Protein backbone atom coordinates (compact mmCIF):
# COMPACT_ATOMS: atom_id res chain seq x y z
CA MET A 1 7.94 47.54 -3.60
CA LYS A 2 4.78 45.52 -3.16
CA LYS A 3 4.64 43.09 -0.28
CA SER A 4 3.84 39.45 -1.03
CA ALA A 5 0.37 38.31 -0.09
CA LYS A 6 0.45 36.62 3.28
CA SER A 7 -1.21 33.33 4.02
CA PRO A 8 -3.46 33.58 7.10
CA ALA A 9 -2.33 30.15 8.28
CA ASN A 10 1.24 30.90 9.33
CA GLY A 11 2.24 34.23 7.80
CA GLN A 12 4.30 32.74 4.96
CA PRO A 13 3.98 34.55 1.62
CA LEU A 14 1.47 32.90 -0.66
CA THR A 15 3.97 32.99 -3.51
CA HIS A 16 6.42 31.04 -1.36
CA LYS A 17 3.80 28.41 -0.56
CA MET A 18 2.91 28.01 -4.21
CA THR A 19 6.58 27.72 -5.20
CA VAL A 20 7.37 25.13 -2.54
CA THR A 21 4.20 23.18 -3.39
CA ALA A 22 5.18 23.07 -7.07
CA MET A 23 8.71 21.97 -6.19
CA LEU A 24 7.54 19.21 -3.84
CA SER A 25 4.92 18.06 -6.36
CA ALA A 26 7.60 17.65 -9.03
CA VAL A 27 9.81 15.64 -6.65
CA SER A 28 6.83 13.52 -5.62
CA ALA A 29 5.95 12.76 -9.25
CA VAL A 30 9.52 11.65 -9.93
CA LEU A 31 9.55 9.45 -6.82
CA MET A 32 6.33 7.81 -8.00
CA PHE A 33 8.21 6.69 -11.12
CA ILE A 34 10.84 5.05 -8.90
CA ASP A 35 9.18 1.97 -7.43
CA PHE A 36 10.24 -1.59 -6.80
CA SER A 37 8.76 -4.95 -5.88
CA VAL A 38 8.82 -6.34 -2.35
CA PRO A 39 9.56 -10.08 -1.96
CA ILE A 40 6.74 -10.64 0.55
CA MET A 41 4.12 -9.06 -1.73
CA PRO A 42 2.73 -10.07 -5.16
CA SER A 43 4.80 -8.64 -8.01
CA PHE A 44 2.09 -6.20 -9.15
CA ILE A 45 2.29 -4.33 -5.83
CA LYS A 46 5.12 -1.80 -5.79
CA LEU A 47 6.74 0.22 -3.04
CA ASP A 48 7.58 3.89 -3.49
CA ILE A 49 8.15 6.87 -1.22
CA SER A 50 6.23 9.44 -3.24
CA GLU A 51 4.19 10.53 -0.20
CA LEU A 52 7.37 11.87 1.42
CA PRO A 53 7.26 15.31 -0.29
CA ALA A 54 3.53 15.56 0.44
CA LEU A 55 4.21 14.90 4.12
CA LEU A 56 6.88 17.61 4.09
CA ALA A 57 4.35 19.99 2.54
CA SER A 58 1.72 19.09 5.10
CA PHE A 59 4.05 19.81 8.01
CA SER A 60 5.67 22.96 6.64
CA LEU A 61 2.79 24.61 4.76
CA GLY A 62 -0.38 23.00 6.10
CA PRO A 63 -2.46 19.84 5.51
CA VAL A 64 -4.25 21.19 2.45
CA TYR A 65 -0.94 21.72 0.67
CA GLY A 66 0.03 18.13 1.38
CA VAL A 67 -3.17 16.99 -0.33
CA VAL A 68 -2.43 19.27 -3.29
CA VAL A 69 0.99 17.63 -3.71
CA CYS A 70 -0.68 14.20 -3.73
CA LEU A 71 -3.15 15.39 -6.35
CA ILE A 72 -0.57 16.94 -8.67
CA LYS A 73 1.80 13.97 -8.61
CA ASN A 74 -1.03 11.60 -9.55
CA LEU A 75 -2.26 13.88 -12.31
CA ILE A 76 1.27 13.92 -13.74
CA ASN A 77 1.50 10.13 -13.54
CA LEU A 78 -1.83 9.62 -15.33
CA ALA A 79 0.12 9.80 -18.57
CA ARG A 80 1.76 6.45 -17.83
CA SER A 81 -1.17 4.79 -16.06
CA THR A 82 -1.65 1.08 -16.71
CA THR A 83 -4.91 0.94 -14.72
CA SER A 84 -6.98 3.54 -16.61
CA GLY A 85 -6.45 5.96 -13.71
CA VAL A 86 -7.82 3.65 -11.02
CA GLY A 87 -4.46 3.10 -9.40
CA GLU A 88 -3.78 6.84 -9.40
CA LEU A 89 -7.19 7.57 -7.88
CA CYS A 90 -6.61 5.12 -5.04
CA ASN A 91 -3.06 6.37 -4.56
CA PHE A 92 -4.37 9.92 -4.26
CA LEU A 93 -7.09 9.02 -1.77
CA LEU A 94 -4.78 7.00 0.46
CA GLY A 95 -1.94 9.53 0.28
CA ALA A 96 -4.29 12.44 0.88
CA VAL A 97 -5.83 10.96 4.03
CA PHE A 98 -2.34 10.10 5.29
CA VAL A 99 -0.76 13.54 4.90
CA PHE A 100 -3.92 15.49 5.77
CA THR A 101 -4.37 13.61 9.05
CA ALA A 102 -0.69 14.02 9.92
CA GLY A 103 -0.74 17.72 9.08
CA LEU A 104 -3.98 18.32 10.97
CA VAL A 105 -2.63 16.78 14.18
CA PHE A 106 0.63 18.70 13.80
CA LYS A 107 -1.35 21.92 13.36
CA LYS A 108 -2.87 21.33 16.80
CA MET A 109 0.40 20.14 18.41
CA LYS A 110 3.20 22.14 16.79
CA ASN A 111 6.17 20.22 18.10
CA ARG A 112 8.18 17.11 17.27
CA LYS A 113 5.85 14.92 19.29
CA GLY A 114 2.82 16.30 17.46
CA ALA A 115 4.44 15.58 14.10
CA PHE A 116 5.30 12.03 15.14
CA VAL A 117 1.88 11.26 16.61
CA GLY A 118 0.12 12.83 13.64
CA ALA A 119 2.19 10.85 11.15
CA LEU A 120 1.55 7.59 12.99
CA ILE A 121 -2.19 8.25 13.12
CA GLY A 122 -2.15 9.20 9.46
CA ALA A 123 -0.33 5.98 8.49
CA PHE A 124 -2.82 3.94 10.52
CA VAL A 125 -5.86 5.66 8.99
CA MET A 126 -4.37 5.15 5.52
CA ALA A 127 -3.91 1.42 6.22
CA VAL A 128 -7.49 1.06 7.47
CA LEU A 129 -8.92 2.98 4.50
CA SER A 130 -6.97 0.75 2.10
CA LEU A 131 -9.18 -2.21 3.06
CA PRO A 132 -12.58 -0.97 1.78
CA LEU A 133 -10.97 1.03 -1.03
CA ASN A 134 -9.14 -2.00 -2.43
CA TYR A 135 -12.01 -4.41 -1.76
CA TYR A 136 -14.79 -2.36 -3.33
CA VAL A 137 -12.94 -0.27 -5.94
CA THR A 138 -9.42 -1.24 -6.95
CA TYR A 139 -9.51 -5.03 -7.12
CA PRO A 140 -12.96 -5.37 -8.73
CA ILE A 141 -11.63 -3.20 -11.56
CA TYR A 142 -8.38 -5.18 -11.73
CA ALA A 143 -10.55 -8.30 -12.05
CA ASN A 144 -11.57 -7.07 -15.51
CA PHE A 145 -7.99 -7.70 -16.61
CA ILE A 146 -6.97 -10.60 -14.34
CA PRO A 147 -9.53 -13.08 -12.94
CA MET A 148 -10.02 -12.70 -9.20
CA GLU A 149 -8.91 -16.30 -8.74
CA GLY A 150 -5.64 -15.40 -10.42
CA ILE A 151 -5.14 -12.37 -8.16
CA ILE A 152 -5.79 -14.42 -5.03
CA GLY A 153 -3.52 -17.12 -6.42
CA MET A 154 -0.61 -14.65 -6.48
CA TYR A 155 -1.07 -14.13 -2.75
CA GLN A 156 -1.43 -17.86 -2.13
CA VAL A 157 1.99 -18.46 -3.68
CA ILE A 158 3.36 -16.48 -0.74
CA LEU A 159 0.91 -17.66 1.92
CA PRO A 160 -1.28 -20.64 0.93
CA SER A 161 -3.62 -20.19 3.90
CA VAL A 162 -5.31 -17.06 2.48
CA LYS A 163 -8.59 -18.04 0.84
CA SER A 164 -10.40 -14.85 -0.09
CA LEU A 165 -9.68 -11.33 -1.30
CA TRP A 166 -10.50 -10.00 2.14
CA ASP A 167 -7.92 -12.34 3.67
CA CYS A 168 -5.32 -11.07 1.19
CA LEU A 169 -6.03 -7.43 1.95
CA LEU A 170 -6.08 -7.95 5.71
CA VAL A 171 -2.92 -10.07 5.89
CA PHE A 172 -0.87 -8.38 3.17
CA ASN A 173 -2.12 -5.01 1.92
CA ALA A 174 -3.10 -3.24 5.14
CA PRO A 175 0.19 -4.01 6.96
CA PHE A 176 2.13 -3.16 3.80
CA THR A 177 0.35 0.19 3.53
CA PHE A 178 1.04 0.96 7.20
CA VAL A 179 4.74 0.08 6.87
CA LYS A 180 4.96 2.19 3.71
CA GLY A 181 3.60 5.11 5.72
CA LEU A 182 6.13 4.47 8.50
CA ILE A 183 8.98 4.56 5.96
CA ASP A 184 7.79 7.99 4.81
CA VAL A 185 7.57 9.11 8.44
CA GLY A 186 11.10 7.93 9.20
CA LEU A 187 12.56 9.64 6.14
CA THR A 188 10.67 12.84 6.94
CA PHE A 189 12.19 13.02 10.40
CA LEU A 190 15.64 12.39 8.94
CA ILE A 191 15.56 15.20 6.38
CA TYR A 192 12.99 17.72 7.65
CA LYS A 193 15.41 19.76 9.74
CA ARG A 194 17.90 20.05 6.89
CA LEU A 195 15.21 21.13 4.44
CA SER A 196 13.46 23.45 6.89
CA PRO A 197 15.18 26.66 5.65
CA ILE A 198 13.95 25.94 2.11
CA LEU A 199 10.46 24.92 3.19
CA HIS A 200 9.87 27.87 5.53
CA LYS A 201 11.81 30.78 4.03
């Protein structure tokens, strides 16, 4: 009987890694469909936990596999895109930097503390990256469909003191992105141990 090809990273069979990656990508794509509005954010901004499977992949298989899960789930969701793929592109970039950073730190510190620190750093980096990405890419494209004044007006309904797009992103989007990352981190720590036999064997 032929032996499965081994991955040099942690000795897991390559076929196992591919199978788990496909499974987590499918779950991630489904979770991306399940989103909901948050009262303290404009209605066009939705919350989902679709980075959760990617974070599981990053911790159990390696950071590159976490990025692959982010890529596949966004490619699947392109079929229902309402932003001509721009939203999916930004979602991929933010999710990828989140799970890659978390997985990279965990790779250097393979313990619970390393996973926690890596996930926190990843969530913070994702929040910081969301500022230039939204300011220079996402919202200028959205402005082709909704005037920028209208977009800012949606934020001003919640907090009248914001005056510019940068104010909106700094006060609303960056903290929201960070909290979204923390939710994924919390859920990962809740379920990782139970899923560990599936992810590693």
